Amino acid sequence: MERAALAFWIGAPGRGEIRPVALPAPRADEVLVRSLYSAVSRGTETLVFRGGVPENQYEAMRAPFQEGGFPAPVKYGYLNVGLVEEGPPELCGRTVFCLHPHQTRYVVPAGAVTVVPESVPPERAVLAGTVETAVNALWDAAPLVGDRIAVVGAGMVGCCVAALLARIPAARVELIDTDPARASVAEALGVSFATPDEATGGCDMVVHASATEAGLTRSLELLAPEGEVIELSWYGDRRITLPLGEFFHSRRLVVRGSQVGSVSPARRARRTFADRLALALDVLAEPAFDALITGRSAFEELPRVMPLLAAGGLPALCHLITYGPAAEARAHTDRPGE
């Protein structure tokens, strides 16, 4: 028996649309999930929406349950929390996180979902994929007690990194952004805040997550001799330049990339992808992460909302997508082929 669902697609670069989906009945090793919330990853997802994925990265940037291909038409996204309606008994009725695009219902292998702990509200659990990126970055960076650390770029990823760094004893953690309004988020996360001009130098480590040339340049400037930048930004098809002819060599600085697509070498022998995601969900029991959810829209509004997010017209950090009766009703009337 087929079930009706709706999914958000990028029909062409810069244009979104909602399409009907026919879902098969789940097999014994699969689950049928009804979406409760999803979230827009402002950096990667809006870059994908604009058609900014380089051709040589088409395969590397595929999301786990992506359909279509870059630049478009493509169904893309990876921050979804839903309720298991059908599947193995131990999962039925459980709230789960899945790396799935924006869709009202979906069928995936049971192993692709992770149960959300009861201590984590479903709305906050959409951040699990972003916190997972932050966990991997800290495994790569290996910060130490008492380190002087800056996080440049107070977007979703930068804020999640800062929240984890705040737990390191005696560490000086400063969140840096061009938007002074991010100071209230930094306060909620338990770290200090500064604009780029006000930032404190002499850092042992800088985590860069602003996806700007100016941000990476400032990250290098803030380092003490033999310090390291952990680069989390993804620039897509944009090229950037850096002042490597100035203090880069004399201070023996390092720029090192970190990317969530593989488990950090520091933990790869002892941690799986599932372990890392479960850890991220456990971390989200901390209410401070609620400060990152600063906007919300209904699923039906995504074709209008996504261009605004991509253009900066909506300044939300994490933009939450809600699924309610209107989406359910349309899914049953807007069936494939009708």
Protein backbone atom coordinates (compact mmCIF):
# COMPACT_ATOMS: atom_id res chain seq x y z
CA MET A 1 0.00 0.00 0.00
CA GLU A 2 1.34 3.43 -0.98
CA ARG A 3 1.25 6.31 1.49
CA ALA A 4 1.06 9.97 0.53
CA ALA A 5 3.77 12.43 1.50
CA LEU A 6 5.19 15.79 0.41
CA ALA A 7 8.83 16.79 -0.05
CA PHE A 8 10.68 20.05 -0.61
CA TRP A 9 12.77 20.11 -3.80
CA ILE A 10 15.09 22.67 -5.35
CA GLY A 11 13.55 22.80 -8.80
CA ALA A 12 16.24 25.11 -10.17
CA PRO A 13 18.98 27.15 -8.49
CA GLY A 14 17.23 29.73 -6.32
CA ARG A 15 13.76 28.19 -6.73
CA GLY A 16 12.08 25.76 -4.35
CA GLU A 17 8.89 23.72 -4.76
CA ILE A 18 6.87 21.12 -2.90
CA ARG A 19 6.32 17.83 -4.69
CA PRO A 20 4.11 14.83 -3.86
CA VAL A 21 5.77 11.54 -2.94
CA ALA A 22 4.39 7.99 -2.95
CA LEU A 23 5.88 5.96 -0.11
CA PRO A 24 6.04 2.17 -0.11
CA ALA A 25 5.04 0.14 2.92
CA PRO A 26 8.12 -0.33 5.13
CA ARG A 27 9.82 -3.72 5.07
CA ALA A 28 10.71 -5.59 8.26
CA ASP A 29 14.03 -3.75 8.56
CA GLU A 30 12.62 -0.30 7.77
CA VAL A 31 10.68 2.42 9.57
CA LEU A 32 7.97 4.84 8.50
CA VAL A 33 8.62 8.21 10.12
CA ARG A 34 6.22 11.15 10.38
CA SER A 35 8.18 14.40 10.52
CA LEU A 36 7.72 16.63 13.54
CA TYR A 37 10.47 19.15 12.80
CA SER A 38 13.32 19.75 10.42
CA ALA A 39 15.82 22.58 10.21
CA VAL A 40 17.63 24.50 7.51
CA SER A 41 21.42 24.37 7.71
CA ARG A 42 22.09 28.01 6.82
CA GLY A 43 25.59 27.54 5.42
CA THR A 44 25.60 24.36 3.35
CA GLU A 45 21.91 24.17 2.53
CA THR A 46 21.53 27.74 1.28
CA LEU A 47 24.70 27.31 -0.79
CA VAL A 48 23.13 24.21 -2.35
CA PHE A 49 19.93 26.21 -2.91
CA ARG A 50 21.86 28.86 -4.83
CA GLY A 51 23.50 26.21 -7.02
CA GLY A 52 26.97 26.81 -5.56
CA VAL A 53 28.25 23.22 -5.29
CA PRO A 54 31.42 22.83 -7.44
CA GLU A 55 31.03 20.15 -10.11
CA ASN A 56 34.01 18.20 -8.76
CA GLN A 57 32.24 17.98 -5.37
CA TYR A 58 28.88 16.68 -6.59
CA GLU A 59 29.47 13.18 -5.26
CA ALA A 60 31.23 14.21 -2.04
CA MET A 61 28.42 16.59 -1.07
CA ARG A 62 25.53 14.17 -1.52
CA ALA A 63 23.28 13.95 1.54
CA PRO A 64 22.40 10.44 2.83
CA PHE A 65 18.84 10.42 1.43
CA GLN A 66 19.24 12.97 -1.33
CA GLU A 67 17.31 12.49 -4.55
CA GLY A 68 18.17 14.13 -7.85
CA GLY A 69 21.52 15.73 -8.50
CA PHE A 70 23.34 19.04 -8.27
CA PRO A 71 22.73 21.76 -9.16
CA ALA A 72 19.02 20.85 -9.62
CA PRO A 73 16.44 19.43 -9.45
CA VAL A 74 17.51 18.01 -6.11
CA LYS A 75 15.93 17.07 -2.77
CA TYR A 76 18.48 18.06 -0.15
CA GLY A 77 18.65 18.40 3.64
CA TYR A 78 19.81 16.45 6.69
CA LEU A 79 18.26 17.73 9.93
CA ASN A 80 14.99 15.91 10.64
CA VAL A 81 13.22 14.77 13.80
CA GLY A 82 10.12 12.61 13.56
CA LEU A 83 7.92 9.98 15.16
CA VAL A 84 8.21 6.32 14.09
CA GLU A 85 4.72 5.20 13.03
CA GLU A 86 5.65 1.75 11.70
CA GLY A 87 8.71 -0.44 12.15
CA PRO A 88 10.40 -2.75 14.65
CA PRO A 89 8.62 -2.83 18.03
CA GLU A 90 11.55 -1.22 19.86
CA LEU A 91 11.26 1.86 17.60
CA CYS A 92 7.50 2.24 17.14
CA GLY A 93 6.26 5.36 18.89
CA ARG A 94 9.79 6.66 19.51
CA THR A 95 11.03 10.12 18.56
CA VAL A 96 14.06 9.81 16.28
CA PHE A 97 16.63 11.93 14.49
CA CYS A 98 17.46 11.18 10.85
CA LEU A 99 19.71 12.77 8.21
CA HIS A 100 16.75 13.19 5.86
CA PRO A 101 15.60 16.10 3.66
CA HIS A 102 12.48 18.15 4.40
CA GLN A 103 9.54 15.75 3.89
CA THR A 104 6.27 15.10 5.71
CA ARG A 105 6.80 11.32 5.95
CA TYR A 106 9.57 9.01 4.80
CA VAL A 107 10.66 5.35 4.83
CA VAL A 108 14.29 4.57 5.66
CA PRO A 109 16.29 1.62 7.05
CA ALA A 110 15.83 1.26 10.80
CA GLY A 111 19.58 1.71 11.26
CA ALA A 112 19.37 5.19 9.74
CA VAL A 113 17.45 6.66 12.68
CA THR A 114 18.74 7.47 16.16
CA VAL A 115 16.40 7.57 19.14
CA VAL A 116 16.21 11.01 20.74
CA PRO A 117 16.84 10.80 24.52
CA GLU A 118 13.87 11.75 26.69
CA SER A 119 15.97 14.57 28.14
CA VAL A 120 16.10 16.30 24.73
CA PRO A 121 12.98 18.11 23.37
CA PRO A 122 12.22 17.25 19.72
CA GLU A 123 12.62 20.89 18.63
CA ARG A 124 16.16 21.02 20.04
CA ALA A 125 17.05 17.61 18.61
CA VAL A 126 17.13 19.03 15.05
CA LEU A 127 20.52 20.47 16.02
CA ALA A 128 22.02 16.98 16.34
CA GLY A 129 23.63 17.04 12.90
CA THR A 130 25.26 20.42 13.59
CA VAL A 131 26.43 19.41 17.07
CA GLU A 132 27.88 16.27 15.45
CA THR A 133 29.95 18.54 13.19
CA ALA A 134 31.15 20.41 16.29
CA VAL A 135 32.04 17.16 18.09
CA ASN A 136 34.13 16.05 15.12
CA ALA A 137 35.85 19.44 14.99
CA LEU A 138 36.85 19.20 18.66
CA TRP A 139 38.15 15.67 18.12
CA ASP A 140 40.31 17.13 15.33
CA ALA A 141 41.35 20.19 17.34
CA ALA A 142 42.04 18.46 20.69
CA PRO A 143 41.76 21.62 22.85
CA LEU A 144 43.45 21.54 26.25
CA VAL A 145 42.60 22.79 29.73
CA GLY A 146 43.30 26.52 29.96
CA ASP A 147 43.59 27.08 26.20
CA ARG A 148 42.90 30.51 24.73
CA ILE A 149 40.41 29.85 21.93
CA ALA A 150 38.46 31.99 19.49
CA VAL A 151 35.52 30.86 17.37
CA VAL A 152 35.14 33.13 14.33
CA GLY A 153 31.62 33.05 12.90
CA ALA A 154 28.56 32.79 15.14
CA GLY A 155 26.38 30.76 12.82
CA MET A 156 24.91 27.36 13.70
CA VAL A 157 28.22 25.52 13.51
CA GLY A 158 30.27 28.20 15.25
CA CYS A 159 27.78 28.48 18.10
CA CYS A 160 27.68 24.71 18.61
CA VAL A 161 31.48 24.62 18.71
CA ALA A 162 31.54 27.47 21.24
CA ALA A 163 28.98 25.67 23.41
CA LEU A 164 31.18 22.56 23.59
CA LEU A 165 34.36 24.55 24.19
CA ALA A 166 32.67 26.34 27.10
CA ARG A 167 32.80 23.04 29.02
CA ILE A 168 36.62 22.87 28.99
CA PRO A 169 37.99 23.86 32.42
CA ALA A 170 39.75 27.25 32.60
CA ALA A 171 39.53 27.77 28.83
CA ARG A 172 39.12 31.32 27.51
CA VAL A 173 36.52 31.02 24.77
CA GLU A 174 35.51 34.04 22.68
CA LEU A 175 32.80 33.92 20.02
CA ILE A 176 33.46 36.45 17.25
CA ASP A 177 30.99 37.79 14.72
CA THR A 178 30.30 40.96 12.75
CA ASP A 179 26.71 41.02 14.07
CA PRO A 180 26.63 42.49 17.61
CA ALA A 181 23.23 40.84 18.15
CA ARG A 182 25.04 37.51 18.48
CA ALA A 183 26.31 38.68 21.88
CA SER A 184 23.11 37.49 23.55
CA VAL A 185 23.57 34.01 22.05
CA ALA A 186 27.17 33.90 23.29
CA GLU A 187 25.98 34.82 26.78
CA ALA A 188 23.40 32.02 26.72
CA LEU A 189 26.12 29.55 25.69
CA GLY A 190 28.44 30.66 28.48
CA VAL A 191 31.20 32.28 26.39
CA SER A 192 32.34 35.85 25.80
CA PHE A 193 31.62 37.80 22.61
CA ALA A 194 33.53 40.27 20.46
CA THR A 195 33.33 41.84 17.03
CA PRO A 196 36.34 41.14 14.76
CA ASP A 197 37.94 44.48 15.64
CA GLU A 198 37.52 43.86 19.38
CA ALA A 199 38.70 40.22 19.38
CA THR A 200 41.42 39.10 21.78
CA GLY A 201 44.62 37.85 20.18
CA GLY A 202 47.28 35.44 21.38
CA CYS A 203 45.07 32.40 20.78
CA ASP A 204 46.36 28.86 20.99
CA MET A 205 43.63 27.83 18.58
CA VAL A 206 40.98 29.47 16.39
CA VAL A 207 37.98 27.62 14.97
CA HIS A 208 36.82 29.36 11.80
CA ALA A 209 33.20 28.99 10.72
CA SER A 210 32.24 32.27 9.01
CA ALA A 211 32.77 31.05 5.41
CA THR A 212 34.32 34.42 4.53
CA GLU A 213 37.77 35.46 3.36
CA ALA A 214 37.85 38.23 5.97
CA GLY A 215 36.97 35.74 8.71
CA LEU A 216 39.77 33.33 7.83
CA THR A 217 42.27 36.20 7.57
CA ARG A 218 41.22 37.47 11.01
CA SER A 219 41.52 33.93 12.38
CA LEU A 220 45.17 33.82 11.36
CA GLU A 221 45.79 37.25 12.88
CA LEU A 222 44.43 36.11 16.25
CA LEU A 223 46.82 33.17 16.60
CA ALA A 224 49.84 33.08 18.87
CA PRO A 225 53.07 31.70 17.34
CA GLU A 226 52.65 28.05 16.28
CA GLY A 227 48.89 28.30 16.74
CA GLU A 228 46.34 26.49 14.57
CA VAL A 229 43.16 27.37 12.70
CA ILE A 230 40.58 24.59 12.44
CA GLU A 231 38.69 25.43 9.25
CA LEU A 232 35.03 24.39 9.30
CA SER A 233 33.74 26.71 6.58
CA TRP A 234 32.68 25.37 3.21
CA TYR A 235 33.10 27.89 0.41
CA GLY A 236 31.48 25.94 -2.40
CA ASP A 237 32.53 27.35 -5.76
CA ARG A 238 34.00 30.54 -4.27
CA ARG A 239 37.76 31.17 -4.28
CA ILE A 240 39.44 33.09 -1.46
CA THR A 241 42.85 34.70 -0.93
CA LEU A 242 44.95 34.85 2.24
CA PRO A 243 47.92 37.00 3.40
CA LEU A 244 50.39 34.12 3.53
CA GLY A 245 53.26 36.47 2.71
CA GLU A 246 52.94 38.33 6.01
CA PHE A 247 53.16 36.59 9.43
CA PHE A 248 52.02 33.11 8.36
CA HIS A 249 55.53 31.64 8.00
CA SER A 250 57.29 33.66 10.70
CA ARG A 251 54.77 32.52 13.31
CA ARG A 252 54.71 28.93 11.94
CA LEU A 253 50.91 28.92 11.76
CA VAL A 254 48.72 26.01 10.66
CA VAL A 255 45.37 25.87 8.84
CA ARG A 256 43.71 22.46 9.10
CA GLY A 257 40.44 21.38 7.57
CA SER A 258 37.75 19.50 9.50
CA GLN A 259 34.71 17.94 7.85
CA VAL A 260 31.91 15.81 9.29
CA GLY A 261 31.83 13.39 6.34
CA SER A 262 34.38 11.15 8.07
CA VAL A 263 35.07 10.46 11.73
CA SER A 264 38.13 12.35 12.97
CA PRO A 265 41.35 10.26 12.74
CA ALA A 266 41.79 10.92 16.46
CA ARG A 267 38.75 8.72 17.21
CA ARG A 268 38.22 6.69 14.04
CA ALA A 269 39.57 3.46 15.53
CA ARG A 270 37.20 3.62 18.50
CA ARG A 271 34.09 5.56 17.39
CA THR A 272 31.54 4.98 14.63
CA PHE A 273 29.24 7.47 12.92
CA ALA A 274 26.44 6.15 15.13
CA ASP A 275 28.52 6.70 18.28
CA ARG A 276 29.25 10.28 17.24
CA LEU A 277 25.61 11.10 16.52
CA ALA A 278 24.43 9.52 19.79
CA LEU A 279 26.99 11.65 21.64
CA ALA A 280 25.70 14.78 19.89
CA LEU A 281 22.14 13.99 21.02
CA ASP A 282 23.29 13.43 24.60
CA VAL A 283 25.00 16.83 24.57
CA LEU A 284 21.72 18.46 23.51
CA ALA A 285 20.20 17.78 26.93
CA GLU A 286 21.71 21.18 27.81
CA PRO A 287 18.95 23.88 27.54
CA ALA A 288 21.50 26.51 26.44
CA PHE A 289 21.22 25.16 22.88
CA ASP A 290 17.69 26.57 22.66
CA ALA A 291 19.33 29.96 22.06
CA LEU A 292 20.27 28.76 18.56
CA ILE A 293 16.67 28.27 17.40
CA THR A 294 15.73 31.81 16.45
CA GLY A 295 13.20 31.36 13.64
CA ARG A 296 10.48 28.98 12.52
CA SER A 297 8.17 28.44 9.56
CA ALA A 298 5.63 25.85 8.48
CA PHE A 299 6.73 23.23 5.94
CA GLU A 300 4.33 24.64 3.34
CA GLU A 301 6.18 27.96 3.48
CA LEU A 302 9.59 26.55 2.50
CA PRO A 303 9.42 27.65 -1.19
CA ARG A 304 9.02 31.24 0.03
CA VAL A 305 11.30 30.99 3.06
CA MET A 306 14.37 29.36 1.48
CA PRO A 307 15.13 32.25 -0.92
CA LEU A 308 14.87 34.67 2.02
CA LEU A 309 17.29 32.58 4.09
CA ALA A 310 19.72 32.30 1.17
CA ALA A 311 19.64 36.07 0.57
CA GLY A 312 19.95 36.96 4.26
CA GLY A 313 16.44 38.36 4.43
CA LEU A 314 15.71 36.12 7.43
CA PRO A 315 18.53 36.38 9.99
CA ALA A 316 17.67 33.23 11.97
CA LEU A 317 20.53 31.09 13.27
CA CYS A 318 18.72 27.76 13.12
CA HIS A 319 15.47 28.09 11.18
CA LEU A 320 13.04 25.45 12.41
CA ILE A 321 10.52 23.89 10.01
CA THR A 322 7.29 22.65 11.59
CA TYR A 323 4.94 19.97 10.25
CA GLY A 324 1.25 20.23 11.10
CA PRO A 325 -2.32 19.55 9.94
CA ALA A 326 -2.03 21.70 6.80
CA ALA A 327 0.86 19.64 5.44
CA GLU A 328 -0.96 16.41 6.37
CA ALA A 329 -4.12 17.51 4.57
CA ARG A 330 -2.28 18.56 1.43
CA ALA A 331 -0.32 15.30 1.34
CA HIS A 332 -3.58 13.35 1.09
CA THR A 333 -5.05 15.56 -1.63
CA ASP A 334 -1.92 16.27 -3.71
CA ARG A 335 -1.02 12.69 -4.63
CA PRO A 336 1.48 11.72 -7.34
CA GLY A 337 -0.18 11.48 -10.73
CA GLU A 338 -3.37 13.24 -9.69
